[in-house]
Amino acid sequence: MQCPNCGQQIESSVRKERVYHEHFRGSWSTWESLFQDAADFAARVGPENLISISHSEDHNEGVVTVWYWGSN
């Protein structure tokens, strides 16, 4: 399998069954607390399953999303 972004060859054993996400949001939370919650979750997921962490803001509500590989 080849990475669609960089073209690097990916071993099939690295590929998991499905991509999952967990989001952390709040208009009353600070960015620091949202990122800390996301970082704590990402540590539980483990570096071998972590894809990325993204963030956005809409109408003064912050959202941090952790994307990770998993299986049923």
C-alpha atoms as a PDB file:
ATOM      1  CA  MET A   1       0.000   0.000   0.000  1.00  0.00           C
ATOM      2  CA  GLN A   2       1.259   3.479  -0.844  1.00  0.00           C
ATOM      3  CA  CYS A   3       0.655   6.653   1.209  1.00  0.00           C
ATOM      4  CA  PRO A   4      -1.596   9.003  -0.819  1.00  0.00           C
ATOM      5  CA  ASN A   5       0.183  12.095   0.583  1.00  0.00           C
ATOM      6  CA  CYS A   6       3.899  11.325   0.324  1.00  0.00           C
ATOM      7  CA  GLY A   7       4.044   8.173  -1.812  1.00  0.00           C
ATOM      8  CA  GLN A   8       5.945   6.209   0.847  1.00  0.00           C
ATOM      9  CA  GLN A   9       5.370   2.468   0.795  1.00  0.00           C
ATOM     10  CA  ILE A  10       3.361   1.354   3.858  1.00  0.00           C
ATOM     11  CA  GLU A  11       3.679  -2.178   5.160  1.00  0.00           C
ATOM     12  CA  SER A  12       0.326  -3.942   5.149  1.00  0.00           C
ATOM     13  CA  SER A  13       0.904  -5.075   8.748  1.00  0.00           C
ATOM     14  CA  VAL A  14       0.871  -1.403   9.861  1.00  0.00           C
ATOM     15  CA  ARG A  15      -2.595  -0.840   8.412  1.00  0.00           C
ATOM     16  CA  LYS A  16      -5.431  -1.328  10.864  1.00  0.00           C
ATOM     17  CA  GLU A  17      -9.031  -2.048  10.002  1.00  0.00           C
ATOM     18  CA  ARG A  18     -10.612   1.365  10.433  1.00  0.00           C
ATOM     19  CA  VAL A  19      -9.969   5.051  11.148  1.00  0.00           C
ATOM     20  CA  TYR A  20     -11.642   6.411  14.288  1.00  0.00           C
ATOM     21  CA  HIS A  21     -11.798   9.850  15.826  1.00  0.00           C
ATOM     22  CA  GLU A  22     -12.480  11.354  19.220  1.00  0.00           C
ATOM     23  CA  HIS A  23     -13.227  15.043  19.521  1.00  0.00           C
ATOM     24  CA  PHE A  24     -12.928  17.434  22.444  1.00  0.00           C
ATOM     25  CA  ARG A  25     -14.905  20.656  22.250  1.00  0.00           C
ATOM     26  CA  GLY A  26     -15.901  23.514  24.436  1.00  0.00           C
ATOM     27  CA  SER A  27     -16.705  27.183  24.424  1.00  0.00           C
ATOM     28  CA  TRP A  28     -15.977  27.444  28.148  1.00  0.00           C
ATOM     29  CA  SER A  29     -12.733  25.434  28.069  1.00  0.00           C
ATOM     30  CA  THR A  30      -9.352  26.968  27.396  1.00  0.00           C
ATOM     31  CA  TRP A  31      -7.332  25.801  24.405  1.00  0.00           C
ATOM     32  CA  GLU A  32      -4.798  24.471  26.899  1.00  0.00           C
ATOM     33  CA  SER A  33      -7.367  22.205  28.572  1.00  0.00           C
ATOM     34  CA  LEU A  34      -8.767  20.992  25.235  1.00  0.00           C
ATOM     35  CA  PHE A  35      -5.289  20.119  23.979  1.00  0.00           C
ATOM     36  CA  GLN A  36      -4.411  18.443  27.285  1.00  0.00           C
ATOM     37  CA  ASP A  37      -7.544  16.290  27.112  1.00  0.00           C
ATOM     38  CA  ALA A  38      -6.685  15.349  23.515  1.00  0.00           C
ATOM     39  CA  ALA A  39      -3.057  14.612  24.435  1.00  0.00           C
ATOM     40  CA  ASP A  40      -4.138  12.385  27.330  1.00  0.00           C
ATOM     41  CA  PHE A  41      -6.459  10.463  25.008  1.00  0.00           C
ATOM     42  CA  ALA A  42      -3.751  10.174  22.329  1.00  0.00           C
ATOM     43  CA  ALA A  43      -1.361   8.721  24.924  1.00  0.00           C
ATOM     44  CA  ARG A  44      -3.926   6.031  25.748  1.00  0.00           C
ATOM     45  CA  VAL A  45      -4.384   5.258  22.027  1.00  0.00           C
ATOM     46  CA  GLY A  46      -0.627   4.802  21.690  1.00  0.00           C
ATOM     47  CA  PRO A  47       1.834   6.158  19.148  1.00  0.00           C
ATOM     48  CA  GLU A  48       1.508   3.074  16.942  1.00  0.00           C
ATOM     49  CA  ASN A  49      -2.204   3.847  16.364  1.00  0.00           C
ATOM     50  CA  LEU A  50      -2.145   7.660  16.300  1.00  0.00           C
ATOM     51  CA  ILE A  51      -2.707   9.249  12.884  1.00  0.00           C
ATOM     52  CA  SER A  52      -2.930  12.944  13.781  1.00  0.00           C
ATOM     53  CA  ILE A  53      -4.424  15.616  16.013  1.00  0.00           C
ATOM     54  CA  SER A  54      -6.303  18.507  14.389  1.00  0.00           C
ATOM     55  CA  HIS A  55      -8.023  21.600  15.714  1.00  0.00           C
ATOM     56  CA  SER A  56     -10.535  24.208  14.603  1.00  0.00           C
ATOM     57  CA  GLU A  57     -12.649  27.038  15.953  1.00  0.00           C
ATOM     58  CA  ASP A  58     -16.166  28.032  15.015  1.00  0.00           C
ATOM     59  CA  HIS A  59     -18.314  30.678  16.683  1.00  0.00           C
ATOM     60  CA  ASN A  60     -15.974  30.801  19.708  1.00  0.00           C
ATOM     61  CA  GLU A  61     -16.106  27.038  20.232  1.00  0.00           C
ATOM     62  CA  GLY A  62     -12.808  25.180  20.080  1.00  0.00           C
ATOM     63  CA  VAL A  63     -12.608  21.636  18.742  1.00  0.00           C
ATOM     64  CA  VAL A  64      -9.611  19.306  18.949  1.00  0.00           C
ATOM     65  CA  THR A  65      -9.889  15.956  17.165  1.00  0.00           C
ATOM     66  CA  VAL A  66      -7.664  12.901  17.610  1.00  0.00           C
ATOM     67  CA  TRP A  67      -7.566  10.578  14.563  1.00  0.00           C
ATOM     68  CA  TYR A  68      -6.381   7.024  15.116  1.00  0.00           C
ATOM     69  CA  TRP A  69      -6.334   3.494  13.704  1.00  0.00           C
ATOM     70  CA  GLY A  70      -8.428   0.845  15.407  1.00  0.00           C
ATOM     71  CA  SER A  71     -10.287  -2.353  14.922  1.00  0.00           C
ATOM     72  CA  ASN A  72     -13.814  -3.354  15.803  1.00  0.00           C
END
